[in-house]
């Protein structure tokens, strides 16, 4: 797996419709949510590299 991009564009195009949409949070308007693709890449990196949580 590539260090920069674990989830390919083709795979992400197939997976993105399955990711639930998050409602906008009005209690923390400045805090931006983490990109779903970046979060998935991070999770897969931890699993592939056998890094302990």
PDB file of N, CA and C in Angstrom:
ATOM      1  N   UNK A   1       0.835  -1.189   0.000  1.00  0.00           N
ATOM      2  CA  UNK A   1       0.000   0.000   0.000  1.00  0.00           C
ATOM      3  C   UNK A   1       0.875   1.247   0.000  1.00  0.00           C
ATOM      4  N   UNK A   2       0.449   2.227  -0.720  1.00  0.00           N
ATOM      5  CA  UNK A   2       1.189   3.479  -0.832  1.00  0.00           C
ATOM      6  C   UNK A   2       1.107   4.263   0.474  1.00  0.00           C
ATOM      7  N   UNK A   3       2.213   4.871   0.878  1.00  0.00           N
ATOM      8  CA  UNK A   3       2.234   5.655   2.112  1.00  0.00           C
ATOM      9  C   UNK A   3       1.329   6.877   2.030  1.00  0.00           C
ATOM     10  N   UNK A   4       1.265   7.494   0.866  1.00  0.00           N
ATOM     11  CA  UNK A   4       0.496   8.718   0.721  1.00  0.00           C
ATOM     12  C   UNK A   4      -0.999   8.454   0.599  1.00  0.00           C
ATOM     13  N   UNK A   5      -1.376   7.453  -0.140  1.00  0.00           N
ATOM     14  CA  UNK A   5      -2.786   7.220  -0.414  1.00  0.00           C
ATOM     15  C   UNK A   5      -3.104   5.740  -0.325  1.00  0.00           C
ATOM     16  N   UNK A   6      -3.644   5.333   0.810  1.00  0.00           N
ATOM     17  CA  UNK A   6      -4.000   3.941   1.011  1.00  0.00           C
ATOM     18  C   UNK A   6      -5.266   3.604   0.242  1.00  0.00           C
ATOM     19  N   UNK A   7      -6.236   4.491   0.271  1.00  0.00           N
ATOM     20  CA  UNK A   7      -7.505   4.271  -0.410  1.00  0.00           C
ATOM     21  C   UNK A   7      -7.436   4.957  -1.774  1.00  0.00           C
ATOM     22  N   UNK A   8      -7.495   4.156  -2.833  1.00  0.00           N
ATOM     23  CA  UNK A   8      -7.402   4.713  -4.185  1.00  0.00           C
ATOM     24  C   UNK A   8      -8.661   5.515  -4.516  1.00  0.00           C
ATOM     25  N   UNK A   9      -8.565   6.329  -5.554  1.00  0.00           N
ATOM     26  CA  UNK A   9      -9.715   7.121  -5.990  1.00  0.00           C
ATOM     27  C   UNK A   9     -10.876   6.223  -6.412  1.00  0.00           C
ATOM     28  N   UNK A  10     -10.558   5.143  -7.082  1.00  0.00           N
ATOM     29  CA  UNK A  10     -11.592   4.213  -7.534  1.00  0.00           C
ATOM     30  C   UNK A  10     -12.305   3.562  -6.347  1.00  0.00           C
ATOM     31  N   UNK A  11     -11.534   3.101  -5.372  1.00  0.00           N
ATOM     32  CA  UNK A  11     -12.128   2.487  -4.188  1.00  0.00           C
ATOM     33  C   UNK A  11     -12.941   3.501  -3.399  1.00  0.00           C
ATOM     34  N   UNK A  12     -12.426   4.710  -3.243  1.00  0.00           N
ATOM     35  CA  UNK A  12     -13.152   5.729  -2.489  1.00  0.00           C
ATOM     36  C   UNK A  12     -14.464   6.104  -3.188  1.00  0.00           C
ATOM     37  N   UNK A  13     -14.466   6.134  -4.513  1.00  0.00           N
ATOM     38  CA  UNK A  13     -15.690   6.433  -5.259  1.00  0.00           C
ATOM     39  C   UNK A  13     -16.767   5.390  -4.979  1.00  0.00           C
ATOM     40  N   UNK A  14     -16.358   4.154  -4.769  1.00  0.00           N
ATOM     41  CA  UNK A  14     -17.320   3.093  -4.454  1.00  0.00           C
ATOM     42  C   UNK A  14     -17.742   3.117  -2.987  1.00  0.00           C
ATOM     43  N   UNK A  15     -16.842   3.541  -2.092  1.00  0.00           N
ATOM     44  CA  UNK A  15     -17.135   3.520  -0.658  1.00  0.00           C
ATOM     45  C   UNK A  15     -17.844   4.769  -0.162  1.00  0.00           C
ATOM     46  N   UNK A  16     -17.595   5.910  -0.777  1.00  0.00           N
ATOM     47  CA  UNK A  16     -18.130   7.175  -0.275  1.00  0.00           C
ATOM     48  C   UNK A  16     -19.654   7.180  -0.105  1.00  0.00           C
ATOM     49  N   UNK A  17     -20.433   6.602  -1.022  1.00  0.00           N
ATOM     50  CA  UNK A  17     -21.889   6.595  -0.801  1.00  0.00           C
ATOM     51  C   UNK A  17     -22.316   5.791   0.436  1.00  0.00           C
ATOM     52  N   UNK A  18     -21.462   4.916   0.925  1.00  0.00           N
ATOM     53  CA  UNK A  18     -21.785   4.091   2.084  1.00  0.00           C
ATOM     54  C   UNK A  18     -21.494   4.791   3.409  1.00  0.00           C
ATOM     55  N   UNK A  19     -20.722   5.884   3.359  1.00  0.00           N
ATOM     56  CA  UNK A  19     -20.366   6.621   4.571  1.00  0.00           C
ATOM     57  C   UNK A  19     -21.524   7.544   4.932  1.00  0.00           C
ATOM     58  N   UNK A  20     -22.046   7.435   6.151  1.00  0.00           N
ATOM     59  CA  UNK A  20     -23.178   8.298   6.518  1.00  0.00           C
ATOM     60  C   UNK A  20     -22.762   9.768   6.604  1.00  0.00           C
ATOM     61  N   UNK A  21     -23.670  10.642   6.219  1.00  0.00           N
ATOM     62  CA  UNK A  21     -23.433  12.087   6.308  1.00  0.00           C
ATOM     63  C   UNK A  21     -23.604  12.548   7.739  1.00  0.00           C
ATOM     64  N   UNK A  22     -22.700  13.419   8.178  1.00  0.00           N
ATOM     65  CA  UNK A  22     -22.769  13.945   9.541  1.00  0.00           C
ATOM     66  C   UNK A  22     -23.535  15.265   9.519  1.00  0.00           C
ATOM     67  N   UNK A  23     -24.454  15.458  10.441  1.00  0.00           N
ATOM     68  CA  UNK A  23     -25.135  16.754  10.503  1.00  0.00           C
ATOM     69  C   UNK A  23     -24.177  17.835  11.003  1.00  0.00           C
ATOM     70  N   UNK A  24     -24.431  19.056  10.598  1.00  0.00           N
ATOM     71  CA  UNK A  24     -23.597  20.169  11.039  1.00  0.00           C
ATOM     72  C   UNK A  24     -23.779  20.396  12.523  1.00  0.00           C
ATOM     73  N   UNK A  25     -22.648  20.613  13.216  1.00  0.00           N
ATOM     74  CA  UNK A  25     -22.696  20.841  14.663  1.00  0.00           C
ATOM     75  C   UNK A  25     -22.674  22.336  14.934  1.00  0.00           C
ATOM     76  N   UNK A  26     -23.733  22.831  15.532  1.00  0.00           N
ATOM     77  CA  UNK A  26     -23.816  24.254  15.817  1.00  0.00           C
ATOM     78  C   UNK A  26     -23.223  24.601  17.184  1.00  0.00           C
ATOM     79  N   UNK A  27     -22.975  23.587  18.034  1.00  0.00           N
ATOM     80  CA  UNK A  27     -22.405  23.878  19.347  1.00  0.00           C
ATOM     81  C   UNK A  27     -20.905  24.179  19.282  1.00  0.00           C
ATOM     82  N   UNK A  28     -20.221  23.735  18.208  1.00  0.00           N
ATOM     83  CA  UNK A  28     -18.792  24.025  17.996  1.00  0.00           C
ATOM     84  C   UNK A  28     -18.614  24.498  16.549  1.00  0.00           C
ATOM     85  N   UNK A  29     -18.988  25.732  16.238  1.00  0.00           N
ATOM     86  CA  UNK A  29     -18.969  26.168  14.836  1.00  0.00           C
ATOM     87  C   UNK A  29     -17.571  26.303  14.228  1.00  0.00           C
ATOM     88  N   UNK A  30     -16.542  26.474  15.045  1.00  0.00           N
ATOM     89  CA  UNK A  30     -15.195  26.661  14.503  1.00  0.00           C
ATOM     90  C   UNK A  30     -14.519  25.322  14.230  1.00  0.00           C
ATOM     91  N   UNK A  31     -14.853  24.315  15.014  1.00  0.00           N
ATOM     92  CA  UNK A  31     -14.212  23.008  14.871  1.00  0.00           C
ATOM     93  C   UNK A  31     -14.700  22.325  13.592  1.00  0.00           C
ATOM     94  N   UNK A  32     -13.762  21.998  12.725  1.00  0.00           N
ATOM     95  CA  UNK A  32     -14.094  21.331  11.465  1.00  0.00           C
ATOM     96  C   UNK A  32     -13.963  19.821  11.640  1.00  0.00           C
ATOM     97  N   UNK A  33     -14.867  19.049  11.045  1.00  0.00           N
ATOM     98  CA  UNK A  33     -14.752  17.591  11.155  1.00  0.00           C
ATOM     99  C   UNK A  33     -13.577  17.075  10.311  1.00  0.00           C
ATOM    100  N   UNK A  34     -13.045  15.960  10.705  1.00  0.00           N
ATOM    101  CA  UNK A  34     -11.962  15.322   9.955  1.00  0.00           C
ATOM    102  C   UNK A  34     -12.549  14.733   8.679  1.00  0.00           C
ATOM    103  N   UNK A  35     -11.810  14.843   7.597  1.00  0.00           N
ATOM    104  CA  UNK A  35     -12.225  14.277   6.325  1.00  0.00           C
ATOM    105  C   UNK A  35     -12.370  12.759   6.472  1.00  0.00           C
ATOM    106  N   UNK A  36     -13.472  12.198   5.983  1.00  0.00           N
ATOM    107  CA  UNK A  36     -13.734  10.763   6.129  1.00  0.00           C
ATOM    108  C   UNK A  36     -12.662   9.912   5.452  1.00  0.00           C
ATOM    109  N   UNK A  37     -12.215  10.348   4.304  1.00  0.00           N
ATOM    110  CA  UNK A  37     -11.190   9.585   3.593  1.00  0.00           C
ATOM    111  C   UNK A  37      -9.870   9.597   4.353  1.00  0.00           C
ATOM    112  N   UNK A  38      -9.523  10.746   4.941  1.00  0.00           N
ATOM    113  CA  UNK A  38      -8.296  10.839   5.732  1.00  0.00           C
ATOM    114  C   UNK A  38      -8.381   9.961   6.975  1.00  0.00           C
ATOM    115  N   UNK A  39      -9.548   9.924   7.604  1.00  0.00           N
ATOM    116  CA  UNK A  39      -9.730   9.073   8.779  1.00  0.00           C
ATOM    117  C   UNK A  39      -9.592   7.604   8.410  1.00  0.00           C
ATOM    118  N   UNK A  40     -10.177   7.201   7.296  1.00  0.00           N
ATOM    119  CA  UNK A  40     -10.072   5.811   6.843  1.00  0.00           C
ATOM    120  C   UNK A  40      -8.625   5.473   6.505  1.00  0.00           C
ATOM    121  N   UNK A  41      -7.926   6.392   5.848  1.00  0.00           N
ATOM    122  CA  UNK A  41      -6.507   6.162   5.549  1.00  0.00           C
ATOM    123  C   UNK A  41      -5.705   5.963   6.829  1.00  0.00           C
ATOM    124  N   UNK A  42      -5.998   6.758   7.861  1.00  0.00           N
ATOM    125  CA  UNK A  42      -5.299   6.620   9.132  1.00  0.00           C
ATOM    126  C   UNK A  42      -5.568   5.282   9.799  1.00  0.00           C
ATOM    127  N   UNK A  43      -6.803   4.859   9.795  1.00  0.00           N
ATOM    128  CA  UNK A  43      -7.168   3.569  10.391  1.00  0.00           C
ATOM    129  C   UNK A  43      -6.476   2.434   9.653  1.00  0.00           C
ATOM    130  N   UNK A  44      -6.509   2.470   8.330  1.00  0.00           N
ATOM    131  CA  UNK A  44      -5.867   1.406   7.547  1.00  0.00           C
ATOM    132  C   UNK A  44      -4.357   1.418   7.733  1.00  0.00           C
ATOM    133  N   UNK A  45      -3.755   2.597   7.866  1.00  0.00           N
ATOM    134  CA  UNK A  45      -2.309   2.679   8.088  1.00  0.00           C
ATOM    135  C   UNK A  45      -1.946   1.994   9.400  1.00  0.00           C
ATOM    136  N   UNK A  46      -2.724   2.246  10.443  1.00  0.00           N
ATOM    137  CA  UNK A  46      -2.468   1.624  11.747  1.00  0.00           C
ATOM    138  C   UNK A  46      -2.585   0.108  11.631  1.00  0.00           C
ATOM    139  N   UNK A  47      -3.615  -0.367  10.931  1.00  0.00           N
ATOM    140  CA  UNK A  47      -3.811  -1.810  10.806  1.00  0.00           C
ATOM    141  C   UNK A  47      -2.734  -2.473   9.950  1.00  0.00           C
ATOM    142  N   UNK A  48      -2.356  -1.850   8.847  1.00  0.00           N
ATOM    143  CA  UNK A  48      -1.352  -2.436   7.943  1.00  0.00           C
ATOM    144  C   UNK A  48       0.015  -2.455   8.602  1.00  0.00           C
ATOM    145  N   UNK A  49       0.358  -1.401   9.334  1.00  0.00           N
ATOM    146  CA  UNK A  49       1.689  -1.296   9.947  1.00  0.00           C
ATOM    147  C   UNK A  49       1.759  -1.883  11.343  1.00  0.00           C
ATOM    148  N   UNK A  50       0.680  -2.479  11.810  1.00  0.00           N
ATOM    149  CA  UNK A  50       0.634  -3.150  13.102  1.00  0.00           C
ATOM    150  C   UNK A  50       1.074  -2.233  14.232  1.00  0.00           C
ATOM    151  N   UNK A  51       0.558  -1.003  14.209  1.00  0.00           N
ATOM    152  CA  UNK A  51       0.855  -0.004  15.229  1.00  0.00           C
ATOM    153  C   UNK A  51      -0.181  -0.153  16.359  1.00  0.00           C
ATOM    154  N   UNK A  52       0.257  -0.229  17.602  1.00  0.00           N
ATOM    155  CA  UNK A  52      -0.743  -0.328  18.688  1.00  0.00           C
ATOM    156  C   UNK A  52      -1.502   0.988  18.847  1.00  0.00           C
ATOM    157  N   UNK A  53      -2.774   0.883  19.208  1.00  0.00           N
ATOM    158  CA  UNK A  53      -3.584   2.074  19.441  1.00  0.00           C
ATOM    159  C   UNK A  53      -3.096   2.690  20.703  1.00  0.00           C
TER     160      UNK A  53
END
